[in-house]
N, C-alpha and C. Protein backbone atom coordinates (compact mmCIF):
# COMPACT_ATOMS: atom_id res chain seq x y z
N MET A 1 -30.01 -76.04 30.88
CA MET A 1 -29.28 -75.00 30.16
C MET A 1 -29.68 -75.02 28.69
N SER A 2 -29.86 -73.87 28.11
CA SER A 2 -30.30 -73.78 26.73
C SER A 2 -29.14 -74.01 25.78
N ARG A 3 -29.46 -74.46 24.57
CA ARG A 3 -28.43 -74.74 23.57
C ARG A 3 -27.89 -73.47 22.94
N PHE A 4 -28.69 -72.39 22.96
CA PHE A 4 -28.29 -71.13 22.35
C PHE A 4 -28.08 -70.08 23.41
N PRO A 5 -26.91 -69.45 23.44
CA PRO A 5 -26.73 -68.33 24.38
C PRO A 5 -27.66 -67.19 23.98
N ALA A 6 -27.99 -66.36 24.94
CA ALA A 6 -28.91 -65.23 24.71
C ALA A 6 -28.43 -64.32 23.59
N SER A 7 -27.13 -64.11 23.48
CA SER A 7 -26.62 -63.21 22.44
C SER A 7 -26.91 -63.75 21.04
N ARG A 8 -26.93 -65.07 20.89
CA ARG A 8 -27.26 -65.63 19.57
C ARG A 8 -28.74 -65.42 19.24
N LEU A 9 -29.58 -65.44 20.26
CA LEU A 9 -31.01 -65.22 20.04
C LEU A 9 -31.27 -63.82 19.49
N LEU A 10 -30.45 -62.85 19.91
CA LEU A 10 -30.60 -61.49 19.41
C LEU A 10 -30.21 -61.39 17.93
N LEU A 11 -29.30 -62.25 17.49
CA LEU A 11 -28.83 -62.19 16.11
C LEU A 11 -29.80 -62.85 15.14
N ILE A 12 -30.66 -63.72 15.62
CA ILE A 12 -31.58 -64.44 14.74
C ILE A 12 -32.48 -63.49 13.96
N PRO A 13 -33.15 -62.49 14.61
CA PRO A 13 -34.00 -61.58 13.82
C PRO A 13 -33.21 -60.77 12.80
N VAL A 14 -32.00 -60.36 13.15
CA VAL A 14 -31.17 -59.60 12.21
C VAL A 14 -30.78 -60.47 11.03
N ALA A 15 -30.38 -61.72 11.31
CA ALA A 15 -30.00 -62.65 10.24
C ALA A 15 -31.20 -62.92 9.34
N ALA A 16 -32.37 -63.09 9.91
CA ALA A 16 -33.58 -63.33 9.13
C ALA A 16 -33.89 -62.13 8.24
N LEU A 17 -33.74 -60.94 8.78
CA LEU A 17 -34.00 -59.73 8.02
C LEU A 17 -33.02 -59.60 6.85
N LEU A 18 -31.76 -59.90 7.12
CA LEU A 18 -30.75 -59.79 6.08
C LEU A 18 -30.94 -60.86 5.01
N SER A 19 -31.44 -62.02 5.38
CA SER A 19 -31.62 -63.09 4.40
C SER A 19 -32.76 -62.79 3.43
N VAL A 20 -33.64 -61.86 3.78
CA VAL A 20 -34.76 -61.48 2.92
C VAL A 20 -34.26 -60.63 1.75
N ALA A 21 -33.15 -59.93 1.95
CA ALA A 21 -32.62 -59.07 0.89
C ALA A 21 -32.22 -59.92 -0.31
N PRO A 22 -32.48 -59.42 -1.52
CA PRO A 22 -32.11 -60.17 -2.72
C PRO A 22 -30.60 -60.41 -2.75
N ALA A 23 -30.21 -61.51 -3.38
CA ALA A 23 -28.80 -61.86 -3.48
C ALA A 23 -28.03 -60.71 -4.12
N GLY A 24 -26.93 -60.35 -3.53
CA GLY A 24 -26.09 -59.30 -4.07
C GLY A 24 -26.48 -57.90 -3.62
N ALA A 25 -27.68 -57.73 -3.06
CA ALA A 25 -28.12 -56.41 -2.60
C ALA A 25 -27.48 -56.11 -1.26
N GLN A 26 -27.07 -54.87 -1.09
CA GLN A 26 -26.48 -54.47 0.18
C GLN A 26 -27.55 -53.81 1.05
N VAL A 27 -27.51 -54.15 2.31
CA VAL A 27 -28.43 -53.55 3.26
C VAL A 27 -27.69 -52.42 3.94
N LYS A 28 -28.27 -51.22 3.88
CA LYS A 28 -27.65 -50.07 4.54
C LYS A 28 -28.21 -49.95 5.95
N VAL A 29 -27.29 -49.93 6.91
CA VAL A 29 -27.67 -49.93 8.31
C VAL A 29 -27.13 -48.67 8.98
N GLY A 30 -27.95 -48.10 9.86
CA GLY A 30 -27.51 -46.99 10.69
C GLY A 30 -27.58 -47.45 12.14
N VAL A 31 -26.75 -46.86 12.97
CA VAL A 31 -26.73 -47.19 14.39
C VAL A 31 -27.00 -45.92 15.16
N ILE A 32 -27.81 -46.04 16.22
CA ILE A 32 -28.13 -44.88 17.03
C ILE A 32 -28.03 -45.24 18.50
N ASN A 33 -27.53 -44.32 19.27
CA ASN A 33 -27.61 -44.43 20.73
C ASN A 33 -28.84 -43.62 21.09
N LEU A 34 -29.97 -44.29 21.11
CA LEU A 34 -31.25 -43.61 21.26
C LEU A 34 -31.33 -42.84 22.58
N GLN A 35 -30.83 -43.45 23.64
CA GLN A 35 -30.89 -42.78 24.94
C GLN A 35 -30.08 -41.48 24.92
N ARG A 36 -28.86 -41.54 24.41
CA ARG A 36 -28.04 -40.33 24.36
C ARG A 36 -28.64 -39.30 23.42
N ALA A 37 -29.14 -39.75 22.27
CA ALA A 37 -29.73 -38.83 21.31
C ALA A 37 -30.91 -38.09 21.93
N LEU A 38 -31.73 -38.80 22.70
CA LEU A 38 -32.87 -38.16 23.36
C LEU A 38 -32.42 -37.21 24.46
N LEU A 39 -31.48 -37.66 25.29
CA LEU A 39 -31.03 -36.83 26.41
C LEU A 39 -30.34 -35.55 25.94
N ASP A 40 -29.77 -35.58 24.75
CA ASP A 40 -29.07 -34.41 24.23
C ASP A 40 -30.00 -33.39 23.56
N THR A 41 -31.27 -33.72 23.40
CA THR A 41 -32.18 -32.78 22.74
C THR A 41 -32.49 -31.59 23.64
N ALA A 42 -32.66 -30.45 23.02
CA ALA A 42 -33.02 -29.24 23.77
C ALA A 42 -34.38 -29.41 24.44
N ASP A 43 -35.28 -30.13 23.78
CA ASP A 43 -36.62 -30.37 24.31
C ASP A 43 -36.56 -31.11 25.65
N LEU A 44 -35.76 -32.16 25.71
CA LEU A 44 -35.67 -32.93 26.95
C LEU A 44 -34.92 -32.17 28.04
N LYS A 45 -33.92 -31.40 27.64
CA LYS A 45 -33.20 -30.57 28.63
C LYS A 45 -34.14 -29.53 29.23
N LYS A 46 -34.96 -28.93 28.39
CA LYS A 46 -35.93 -27.94 28.86
C LYS A 46 -36.95 -28.60 29.79
N ALA A 47 -37.44 -29.77 29.39
CA ALA A 47 -38.42 -30.48 30.20
C ALA A 47 -37.84 -30.86 31.56
N GLN A 48 -36.57 -31.23 31.59
CA GLN A 48 -35.92 -31.57 32.86
C GLN A 48 -35.86 -30.35 33.77
N GLY A 49 -35.51 -29.21 33.20
CA GLY A 49 -35.48 -27.97 33.97
C GLY A 49 -36.85 -27.59 34.50
N GLU A 50 -37.87 -27.74 33.65
CA GLU A 50 -39.23 -27.43 34.07
C GLU A 50 -39.70 -28.38 35.17
N LEU A 51 -39.31 -29.64 35.06
CA LEU A 51 -39.68 -30.64 36.06
C LEU A 51 -39.05 -30.29 37.41
N GLU A 52 -37.78 -29.92 37.38
CA GLU A 52 -37.09 -29.53 38.62
C GLU A 52 -37.74 -28.29 39.24
N ALA A 53 -38.07 -27.31 38.39
CA ALA A 53 -38.71 -26.08 38.89
C ALA A 53 -40.10 -26.37 39.46
N LYS A 54 -40.84 -27.24 38.79
CA LYS A 54 -42.20 -27.57 39.22
C LYS A 54 -42.21 -28.21 40.61
N PHE A 55 -41.23 -29.06 40.87
CA PHE A 55 -41.23 -29.80 42.12
C PHE A 55 -40.30 -29.20 43.18
N LYS A 56 -39.76 -28.03 42.90
CA LYS A 56 -38.88 -27.37 43.86
C LYS A 56 -39.59 -27.05 45.18
N PRO A 57 -40.84 -26.55 45.16
CA PRO A 57 -41.52 -26.28 46.43
C PRO A 57 -41.70 -27.54 47.30
N GLN A 58 -42.05 -28.66 46.66
CA GLN A 58 -42.20 -29.91 47.41
C GLN A 58 -40.85 -30.37 47.97
N GLN A 59 -39.79 -30.18 47.19
CA GLN A 59 -38.45 -30.53 47.66
C GLN A 59 -38.07 -29.66 48.85
N ALA A 60 -38.40 -28.38 48.80
CA ALA A 60 -38.09 -27.48 49.90
C ALA A 60 -38.87 -27.87 51.16
N LEU A 61 -40.13 -28.26 50.97
CA LEU A 61 -40.94 -28.71 52.10
C LEU A 61 -40.36 -30.00 52.69
N ARG A 62 -39.90 -30.86 51.84
CA ARG A 62 -39.26 -32.11 52.28
C ARG A 62 -38.04 -31.82 53.15
N VAL A 63 -37.20 -30.92 52.68
CA VAL A 63 -36.00 -30.55 53.44
C VAL A 63 -36.39 -29.91 54.77
N LYS A 64 -37.42 -29.07 54.74
CA LYS A 64 -37.89 -28.40 55.96
C LYS A 64 -38.36 -29.43 56.99
N LEU A 65 -39.16 -30.39 56.53
CA LEU A 65 -39.65 -31.43 57.44
C LEU A 65 -38.50 -32.26 58.02
N GLN A 66 -37.53 -32.60 57.17
CA GLN A 66 -36.37 -33.36 57.65
C GLN A 66 -35.62 -32.58 58.73
N THR A 67 -35.47 -31.28 58.51
CA THR A 67 -34.78 -30.42 59.48
C THR A 67 -35.56 -30.36 60.79
N GLU A 68 -36.87 -30.20 60.69
CA GLU A 68 -37.71 -30.13 61.89
C GLU A 68 -37.65 -31.44 62.69
N ILE A 69 -37.67 -32.55 61.99
CA ILE A 69 -37.58 -33.86 62.66
C ILE A 69 -36.24 -33.99 63.37
N GLN A 70 -35.18 -33.60 62.68
CA GLN A 70 -33.85 -33.66 63.28
C GLN A 70 -33.75 -32.75 64.51
N GLU A 71 -34.33 -31.57 64.42
CA GLU A 71 -34.31 -30.63 65.55
C GLU A 71 -35.08 -31.20 66.75
N LEU A 72 -36.22 -31.84 66.50
CA LEU A 72 -36.99 -32.46 67.58
C LEU A 72 -36.19 -33.58 68.24
N GLN A 73 -35.52 -34.38 67.42
CA GLN A 73 -34.71 -35.47 67.97
C GLN A 73 -33.57 -34.91 68.82
N THR A 74 -32.95 -33.86 68.35
CA THR A 74 -31.86 -33.23 69.09
C THR A 74 -32.37 -32.66 70.41
N GLN A 75 -33.51 -31.98 70.38
CA GLN A 75 -34.10 -31.44 71.60
C GLN A 75 -34.42 -32.54 72.61
N LEU A 76 -34.99 -33.63 72.11
CA LEU A 76 -35.32 -34.75 73.00
C LEU A 76 -34.06 -35.31 73.66
N GLN A 77 -32.98 -35.42 72.90
CA GLN A 77 -31.73 -35.95 73.45
C GLN A 77 -31.14 -34.98 74.48
N LYS A 78 -31.15 -33.69 74.16
CA LYS A 78 -30.59 -32.70 75.07
C LYS A 78 -31.41 -32.58 76.36
N MET A 79 -32.71 -32.72 76.21
CA MET A 79 -33.61 -32.50 77.35
C MET A 79 -33.97 -33.80 78.07
N ALA A 80 -33.33 -34.89 77.70
CA ALA A 80 -33.64 -36.19 78.31
C ALA A 80 -33.50 -36.09 79.83
N GLY A 81 -34.54 -36.50 80.51
CA GLY A 81 -34.55 -36.45 81.97
C GLY A 81 -34.98 -35.11 82.54
N LYS A 82 -35.00 -34.06 81.75
CA LYS A 82 -35.37 -32.72 82.22
C LYS A 82 -36.84 -32.39 81.92
N LEU A 83 -37.41 -33.11 80.97
CA LEU A 83 -38.80 -32.86 80.57
C LEU A 83 -39.75 -33.73 81.40
N THR A 84 -40.95 -33.24 81.52
CA THR A 84 -41.97 -34.08 82.15
C THR A 84 -42.30 -35.20 81.18
N GLN A 85 -42.87 -36.24 81.70
CA GLN A 85 -43.23 -37.37 80.85
C GLN A 85 -44.21 -36.93 79.77
N GLN A 86 -45.14 -36.06 80.11
CA GLN A 86 -46.13 -35.56 79.16
C GLN A 86 -45.46 -34.73 78.06
N ALA A 87 -44.53 -33.84 78.43
CA ALA A 87 -43.83 -33.00 77.45
C ALA A 87 -43.00 -33.88 76.50
N GLU A 88 -42.34 -34.88 77.06
CA GLU A 88 -41.53 -35.79 76.23
C GLU A 88 -42.43 -36.57 75.28
N GLN A 89 -43.58 -37.01 75.76
CA GLN A 89 -44.52 -37.74 74.92
C GLN A 89 -45.08 -36.84 73.82
N ASP A 90 -45.38 -35.59 74.16
CA ASP A 90 -45.88 -34.64 73.17
C ASP A 90 -44.86 -34.41 72.05
N MET A 91 -43.60 -34.25 72.43
CA MET A 91 -42.54 -34.05 71.43
C MET A 91 -42.38 -35.30 70.56
N THR A 92 -42.47 -36.46 71.18
CA THR A 92 -42.35 -37.72 70.42
C THR A 92 -43.49 -37.84 69.42
N ILE A 93 -44.71 -37.54 69.87
CA ILE A 93 -45.87 -37.61 68.98
C ILE A 93 -45.73 -36.60 67.85
N GLN A 94 -45.26 -35.41 68.16
CA GLN A 94 -45.06 -34.38 67.14
C GLN A 94 -44.03 -34.87 66.09
N GLY A 95 -42.97 -35.49 66.58
CA GLY A 95 -41.96 -36.04 65.67
C GLY A 95 -42.51 -37.15 64.80
N GLN A 96 -43.34 -38.01 65.37
CA GLN A 96 -43.96 -39.10 64.61
C GLN A 96 -44.89 -38.55 63.53
N ARG A 97 -45.63 -37.52 63.87
CA ARG A 97 -46.53 -36.90 62.88
C ARG A 97 -45.74 -36.31 61.72
N LYS A 98 -44.67 -35.62 62.08
CA LYS A 98 -43.83 -35.02 61.03
C LYS A 98 -43.19 -36.11 60.18
N GLN A 99 -42.81 -37.21 60.81
CA GLN A 99 -42.20 -38.33 60.08
C GLN A 99 -43.22 -38.92 59.09
N LYS A 100 -44.48 -39.07 59.53
CA LYS A 100 -45.53 -39.58 58.64
C LYS A 100 -45.79 -38.59 57.50
N ASP A 101 -45.83 -37.31 57.83
CA ASP A 101 -46.02 -36.28 56.80
C ASP A 101 -44.90 -36.34 55.77
N LEU A 102 -43.68 -36.50 56.26
CA LEU A 102 -42.52 -36.59 55.37
C LEU A 102 -42.62 -37.82 54.48
N GLN A 103 -42.99 -38.93 55.06
CA GLN A 103 -43.09 -40.16 54.28
C GLN A 103 -44.16 -40.02 53.19
N ARG A 104 -45.30 -39.47 53.54
CA ARG A 104 -46.37 -39.27 52.55
C ARG A 104 -45.91 -38.32 51.44
N LEU A 105 -45.27 -37.23 51.85
CA LEU A 105 -44.77 -36.26 50.88
C LEU A 105 -43.78 -36.91 49.92
N GLU A 106 -42.85 -37.68 50.47
CA GLU A 106 -41.84 -38.34 49.63
C GLU A 106 -42.48 -39.33 48.66
N GLU A 107 -43.46 -40.11 49.15
CA GLU A 107 -44.14 -41.07 48.28
C GLU A 107 -44.92 -40.36 47.18
N ASP A 108 -45.65 -39.32 47.55
CA ASP A 108 -46.43 -38.56 46.56
C ASP A 108 -45.50 -37.89 45.55
N LEU A 109 -44.43 -37.30 46.05
CA LEU A 109 -43.48 -36.62 45.18
C LEU A 109 -42.84 -37.59 44.20
N GLN A 110 -42.42 -38.74 44.71
CA GLN A 110 -41.78 -39.73 43.84
C GLN A 110 -42.76 -40.21 42.77
N ALA A 111 -43.99 -40.51 43.16
CA ALA A 111 -44.99 -40.98 42.20
C ALA A 111 -45.29 -39.93 41.14
N GLU A 112 -45.42 -38.68 41.58
CA GLU A 112 -45.73 -37.60 40.65
C GLU A 112 -44.57 -37.35 39.68
N VAL A 113 -43.35 -37.35 40.21
CA VAL A 113 -42.18 -37.15 39.36
C VAL A 113 -42.05 -38.29 38.35
N GLU A 114 -42.23 -39.52 38.81
CA GLU A 114 -42.13 -40.66 37.90
C GLU A 114 -43.20 -40.60 36.81
N ARG A 115 -44.41 -40.21 37.18
CA ARG A 115 -45.50 -40.10 36.20
C ARG A 115 -45.17 -39.02 35.15
N GLU A 116 -44.74 -37.87 35.62
CA GLU A 116 -44.40 -36.77 34.70
C GLU A 116 -43.22 -37.17 33.80
N ARG A 117 -42.21 -37.77 34.40
CA ARG A 117 -41.03 -38.19 33.64
C ARG A 117 -41.41 -39.21 32.58
N ALA A 118 -42.27 -40.16 32.94
CA ALA A 118 -42.72 -41.18 31.98
C ALA A 118 -43.48 -40.52 30.82
N ASP A 119 -44.33 -39.55 31.13
CA ASP A 119 -45.08 -38.85 30.08
C ASP A 119 -44.12 -38.11 29.13
N ILE A 120 -43.14 -37.44 29.72
CA ILE A 120 -42.17 -36.70 28.92
C ILE A 120 -41.37 -37.65 28.03
N LEU A 121 -40.90 -38.75 28.61
CA LEU A 121 -40.10 -39.71 27.85
C LEU A 121 -40.92 -40.40 26.76
N THR A 122 -42.17 -40.70 27.05
CA THR A 122 -43.03 -41.33 26.03
C THR A 122 -43.22 -40.39 24.85
N ARG A 123 -43.54 -39.13 25.15
CA ARG A 123 -43.74 -38.14 24.09
C ARG A 123 -42.45 -37.95 23.27
N SER A 124 -41.33 -37.80 23.98
CA SER A 124 -40.05 -37.58 23.30
C SER A 124 -39.63 -38.78 22.49
N ASN A 125 -39.87 -39.97 23.02
CA ASN A 125 -39.50 -41.19 22.31
C ASN A 125 -40.32 -41.33 21.02
N GLN A 126 -41.60 -41.01 21.09
CA GLN A 126 -42.44 -41.07 19.89
C GLN A 126 -41.94 -40.06 18.84
N ARG A 127 -41.61 -38.88 19.30
CA ARG A 127 -41.10 -37.86 18.38
C ARG A 127 -39.78 -38.32 17.77
N MET A 128 -38.88 -38.86 18.60
CA MET A 128 -37.57 -39.29 18.11
C MET A 128 -37.72 -40.44 17.12
N THR A 129 -38.65 -41.34 17.36
CA THR A 129 -38.86 -42.45 16.44
C THR A 129 -39.24 -41.92 15.06
N GLU A 130 -40.12 -40.93 15.04
CA GLU A 130 -40.53 -40.32 13.77
C GLU A 130 -39.34 -39.61 13.10
N VAL A 131 -38.55 -38.90 13.89
CA VAL A 131 -37.38 -38.20 13.37
C VAL A 131 -36.38 -39.20 12.79
N VAL A 132 -36.13 -40.29 13.49
CA VAL A 132 -35.18 -41.30 13.01
C VAL A 132 -35.70 -41.95 11.74
N ARG A 133 -37.01 -42.20 11.67
CA ARG A 133 -37.59 -42.78 10.46
C ARG A 133 -37.34 -41.86 9.25
N LYS A 134 -37.60 -40.57 9.43
CA LYS A 134 -37.37 -39.61 8.35
C LYS A 134 -35.90 -39.51 8.00
N LEU A 135 -35.05 -39.48 9.00
CA LEU A 135 -33.60 -39.42 8.78
C LEU A 135 -33.12 -40.66 8.03
N ALA A 136 -33.62 -41.81 8.38
CA ALA A 136 -33.24 -43.06 7.71
C ALA A 136 -33.67 -43.02 6.24
N GLU A 137 -34.87 -42.51 5.99
CA GLU A 137 -35.33 -42.40 4.61
C GLU A 137 -34.47 -41.44 3.81
N GLU A 138 -34.11 -40.30 4.43
CA GLU A 138 -33.27 -39.32 3.74
C GLU A 138 -31.89 -39.90 3.42
N LYS A 139 -31.36 -40.71 4.31
CA LYS A 139 -30.03 -41.28 4.13
C LYS A 139 -30.06 -42.60 3.35
N GLY A 140 -31.25 -43.07 3.01
CA GLY A 140 -31.38 -44.32 2.27
C GLY A 140 -31.03 -45.55 3.10
N LEU A 141 -31.28 -45.48 4.39
CA LEU A 141 -30.98 -46.61 5.26
C LEU A 141 -32.14 -47.61 5.25
N ASP A 142 -31.78 -48.89 5.26
CA ASP A 142 -32.79 -49.94 5.30
C ASP A 142 -33.19 -50.29 6.73
N MET A 143 -32.27 -50.02 7.66
CA MET A 143 -32.50 -50.40 9.04
C MET A 143 -31.68 -49.51 9.96
N VAL A 144 -32.25 -49.19 11.13
CA VAL A 144 -31.53 -48.46 12.17
C VAL A 144 -31.64 -49.30 13.44
N VAL A 145 -30.49 -49.61 14.04
CA VAL A 145 -30.47 -50.40 15.27
C VAL A 145 -29.90 -49.56 16.40
N ASP A 146 -30.35 -49.87 17.62
CA ASP A 146 -29.84 -49.15 18.79
C ASP A 146 -28.50 -49.74 19.18
N VAL A 147 -27.60 -48.88 19.61
CA VAL A 147 -26.25 -49.28 19.97
C VAL A 147 -26.23 -50.30 21.10
N THR A 148 -27.26 -50.29 21.97
CA THR A 148 -27.28 -51.22 23.10
C THR A 148 -27.42 -52.67 22.65
N ASN A 149 -27.91 -52.90 21.44
CA ASN A 149 -28.06 -54.26 20.92
C ASN A 149 -27.01 -54.59 19.87
N THR A 150 -25.98 -53.78 19.78
CA THR A 150 -24.98 -53.96 18.74
C THR A 150 -23.63 -54.28 19.36
N VAL A 151 -23.03 -55.36 18.89
CA VAL A 151 -21.73 -55.76 19.41
C VAL A 151 -20.63 -54.90 18.83
N TYR A 152 -20.70 -54.64 17.53
CA TYR A 152 -19.68 -53.82 16.87
C TYR A 152 -20.34 -53.06 15.72
N PHE A 153 -19.85 -51.85 15.51
CA PHE A 153 -20.26 -51.08 14.34
C PHE A 153 -19.18 -50.04 14.05
N LYS A 154 -19.09 -49.64 12.80
CA LYS A 154 -18.16 -48.59 12.43
C LYS A 154 -18.74 -47.26 12.91
N PRO A 155 -17.92 -46.41 13.51
CA PRO A 155 -18.42 -45.11 14.00
C PRO A 155 -19.13 -44.29 12.92
N ALA A 156 -18.77 -44.49 11.67
CA ALA A 156 -19.40 -43.73 10.59
C ALA A 156 -20.89 -44.07 10.45
N LEU A 157 -21.31 -45.19 10.99
CA LEU A 157 -22.71 -45.59 10.91
C LEU A 157 -23.57 -44.92 11.98
N ASP A 158 -22.94 -44.31 12.97
CA ASP A 158 -23.67 -43.71 14.10
C ASP A 158 -24.39 -42.43 13.65
N ILE A 159 -25.70 -42.43 13.79
CA ILE A 159 -26.50 -41.26 13.40
C ILE A 159 -27.08 -40.55 14.62
N SER A 160 -26.55 -40.82 15.81
CA SER A 160 -27.10 -40.25 17.05
C SER A 160 -27.11 -38.73 17.03
N LYS A 161 -25.98 -38.11 16.69
CA LYS A 161 -25.91 -36.65 16.68
C LYS A 161 -26.83 -36.05 15.62
N GLU A 162 -26.89 -36.71 14.48
CA GLU A 162 -27.78 -36.23 13.42
C GLU A 162 -29.24 -36.31 13.87
N ALA A 163 -29.57 -37.38 14.59
CA ALA A 163 -30.94 -37.55 15.07
C ALA A 163 -31.28 -36.46 16.09
N THR A 164 -30.34 -36.16 16.97
CA THR A 164 -30.57 -35.10 17.96
C THR A 164 -30.78 -33.76 17.26
N ALA A 165 -29.93 -33.46 16.28
CA ALA A 165 -30.05 -32.20 15.55
C ALA A 165 -31.38 -32.14 14.79
N ALA A 166 -31.77 -33.26 14.17
CA ALA A 166 -33.03 -33.30 13.43
C ALA A 166 -34.23 -33.16 14.37
N TYR A 167 -34.12 -33.75 15.54
CA TYR A 167 -35.18 -33.63 16.56
C TYR A 167 -35.32 -32.18 16.98
N ASP A 168 -34.19 -31.55 17.31
CA ASP A 168 -34.22 -30.14 17.74
C ASP A 168 -34.80 -29.24 16.64
N LYS A 169 -34.51 -29.58 15.39
CA LYS A 169 -35.04 -28.79 14.28
C LYS A 169 -36.55 -29.02 14.13
N ALA A 170 -36.98 -30.27 14.28
CA ALA A 170 -38.39 -30.59 14.11
C ALA A 170 -39.24 -30.14 15.29
N HIS A 171 -38.62 -30.09 16.47
CA HIS A 171 -39.35 -29.72 17.70
C HIS A 171 -38.58 -28.66 18.45
N PRO A 172 -38.52 -27.43 17.92
CA PRO A 172 -37.75 -26.38 18.58
C PRO A 172 -38.33 -26.01 19.94
N VAL A 173 -37.44 -25.66 20.83
CA VAL A 173 -37.83 -25.25 22.17
C VAL A 173 -38.25 -23.79 22.11
N LYS A 174 -39.38 -23.50 22.74
CA LYS A 174 -39.90 -22.12 22.72
C LYS A 174 -39.42 -21.37 23.92
């Protein structure tokens, strides 16, 4: 077991940073909920809508395949004992093919959506970092920390809404 709890390890860099400030100087700190600030931007909301629209045809195909597989299974159950062995085997093979098609479609769709989402988030995060840097300079802040790493802060220090507004202004949705 370690001598220092993990939460104390997070405070070490902050304490080191604060100790660099000259005696008597106050460090101005801002707090941001970066995830919420990003999710609230018009740019990210638009990108989410575009992503959903882009992959709607694949989603519809996925639902269609699921329905077809279910219908084949239902037919096989209803017709059990009434079909020839060859007809039953043909339906089973058809269902297996559709199941493989569905699995491939789902894997491809998931990979493509994750790739697109990662690209969108990377771009937005870079933009937000620049916006927060400018906002911090305008407000005379020495440091901006994310709320997820903060145990306590005064609500007046939260610049999340300001960051979202500044982002929307810097990157208007067309």
